[in-house]
Amino acid sequence: IMYLFSRHVTAEVKEMFTIDEKKGEIRLRGKLDYEEKGSYEITVEARDKGFPPLSGHCKVVLEVLDVND
């Protein structure tokens, strides 16, 4: 199974996060700031290697906490 961001994921999300194609782990590329954005919605696709390939989708909601307050 291969994991990837859905084609509907914004460029902003692709700049902030990466996804491991084999494990599906979503990792942060930089720092998040609660004052800039409090949450992110990331649509992930899981696709098999069959012919034709089958796929499933899920939405990952990431909430940013403000550690200063």
C-alpha atoms as a PDB file:
ATOM      1  CA  ILE A   1       0.000   0.000   0.000  1.00  0.00           C
ATOM      2  CA  MET A   2       1.223   3.492  -0.851  1.00  0.00           C
ATOM      3  CA  TYR A   3       0.141   6.541   1.157  1.00  0.00           C
ATOM      4  CA  LEU A   4      -0.009  10.035  -0.311  1.00  0.00           C
ATOM      5  CA  PHE A   5      -1.683  13.373   0.149  1.00  0.00           C
ATOM      6  CA  SER A   6      -4.899  13.716  -1.822  1.00  0.00           C
ATOM      7  CA  ARG A   7      -4.803  15.964  -4.871  1.00  0.00           C
ATOM      8  CA  HIS A   8      -7.203  18.250  -2.979  1.00  0.00           C
ATOM      9  CA  VAL A   9      -4.591  19.040  -0.296  1.00  0.00           C
ATOM     10  CA  THR A  10      -3.477  22.661  -0.449  1.00  0.00           C
ATOM     11  CA  ALA A  11       0.046  23.771  -1.313  1.00  0.00           C
ATOM     12  CA  GLU A  12       0.290  25.213   2.215  1.00  0.00           C
ATOM     13  CA  VAL A  13      -0.207  21.759   3.748  1.00  0.00           C
ATOM     14  CA  LYS A  14       2.319  20.200   1.354  1.00  0.00           C
ATOM     15  CA  GLU A  15       4.865  22.833   2.408  1.00  0.00           C
ATOM     16  CA  MET A  16       4.236  22.249   6.148  1.00  0.00           C
ATOM     17  CA  PHE A  17       3.994  18.433   6.215  1.00  0.00           C
ATOM     18  CA  THR A  18       5.400  15.328   4.531  1.00  0.00           C
ATOM     19  CA  ILE A  19       3.972  11.823   4.360  1.00  0.00           C
ATOM     20  CA  ASP A  20       5.932   8.570   4.370  1.00  0.00           C
ATOM     21  CA  GLU A  21       4.663   6.639   1.338  1.00  0.00           C
ATOM     22  CA  LYS A  22       5.237   3.242   2.967  1.00  0.00           C
ATOM     23  CA  LYS A  23       4.141   3.859   6.584  1.00  0.00           C
ATOM     24  CA  GLY A  24       1.655   6.716   6.167  1.00  0.00           C
ATOM     25  CA  GLU A  25       3.356   8.764   8.908  1.00  0.00           C
ATOM     26  CA  ILE A  26       2.712  12.482   8.588  1.00  0.00           C
ATOM     27  CA  ARG A  27       5.637  14.602   9.739  1.00  0.00           C
ATOM     28  CA  LEU A  28       6.141  18.290  10.284  1.00  0.00           C
ATOM     29  CA  ARG A  29       8.697  20.120   8.111  1.00  0.00           C
ATOM     30  CA  GLY A  30       8.899  23.325  10.144  1.00  0.00           C
ATOM     31  CA  LYS A  31       7.296  25.073  13.091  1.00  0.00           C
ATOM     32  CA  LEU A  32       3.584  25.635  13.626  1.00  0.00           C
ATOM     33  CA  ASP A  33       2.162  28.841  15.051  1.00  0.00           C
ATOM     34  CA  TYR A  34      -1.242  28.804  16.744  1.00  0.00           C
ATOM     35  CA  GLU A  35      -1.716  32.508  16.005  1.00  0.00           C
ATOM     36  CA  GLU A  36      -1.311  31.878  12.265  1.00  0.00           C
ATOM     37  CA  LYS A  37      -3.533  28.805  12.015  1.00  0.00           C
ATOM     38  CA  GLY A  38      -5.250  26.772  14.721  1.00  0.00           C
ATOM     39  CA  SER A  39      -5.914  23.585  12.745  1.00  0.00           C
ATOM     40  CA  TYR A  40      -5.183  21.751   9.511  1.00  0.00           C
ATOM     41  CA  GLU A  41      -7.303  19.258   7.559  1.00  0.00           C
ATOM     42  CA  ILE A  42      -5.234  16.784   5.571  1.00  0.00           C
ATOM     43  CA  THR A  43      -6.877  14.302   3.210  1.00  0.00           C
ATOM     44  CA  VAL A  44      -4.780  11.150   2.828  1.00  0.00           C
ATOM     45  CA  GLU A  45      -5.148   8.508   0.132  1.00  0.00           C
ATOM     46  CA  ALA A  46      -4.084   4.867   0.558  1.00  0.00           C
ATOM     47  CA  ARG A  47      -3.614   3.093  -2.770  1.00  0.00           C
ATOM     48  CA  ASP A  48      -2.757  -0.544  -3.454  1.00  0.00           C
ATOM     49  CA  LYS A  49      -0.561  -1.754  -6.301  1.00  0.00           C
ATOM     50  CA  GLY A  50      -3.174  -3.859  -8.038  1.00  0.00           C
ATOM     51  CA  PHE A  51      -4.413  -3.500 -11.596  1.00  0.00           C
ATOM     52  CA  PRO A  52      -6.470  -1.411 -11.559  1.00  0.00           C
ATOM     53  CA  PRO A  53      -5.306   0.113  -8.258  1.00  0.00           C
ATOM     54  CA  LEU A  54      -7.906   0.466  -5.507  1.00  0.00           C
ATOM     55  CA  SER A  55      -7.793   3.377  -3.100  1.00  0.00           C
ATOM     56  CA  GLY A  56      -9.354   4.681   0.080  1.00  0.00           C
ATOM     57  CA  HIS A  57      -9.381   8.147   1.628  1.00  0.00           C
ATOM     58  CA  CYS A  58      -9.461   9.573   5.120  1.00  0.00           C
ATOM     59  CA  LYS A  59      -9.300  13.038   6.647  1.00  0.00           C
ATOM     60  CA  VAL A  60      -6.693  13.805   9.311  1.00  0.00           C
ATOM     61  CA  VAL A  61      -7.503  16.815  11.485  1.00  0.00           C
ATOM     62  CA  LEU A  62      -4.521  18.359  13.233  1.00  0.00           C
ATOM     63  CA  GLU A  63      -5.243  20.856  16.033  1.00  0.00           C
ATOM     64  CA  VAL A  64      -2.453  23.228  17.041  1.00  0.00           C
ATOM     65  CA  LEU A  65      -2.223  24.015  20.760  1.00  0.00           C
ATOM     66  CA  ASP A  66      -1.046  27.378  22.049  1.00  0.00           C
ATOM     67  CA  VAL A  67       1.627  26.524  24.615  1.00  0.00           C
ATOM     68  CA  ASN A  68       2.101  30.194  25.599  1.00  0.00           C
ATOM     69  CA  ASP A  69      -1.370  30.538  27.166  1.00  0.00           C
END
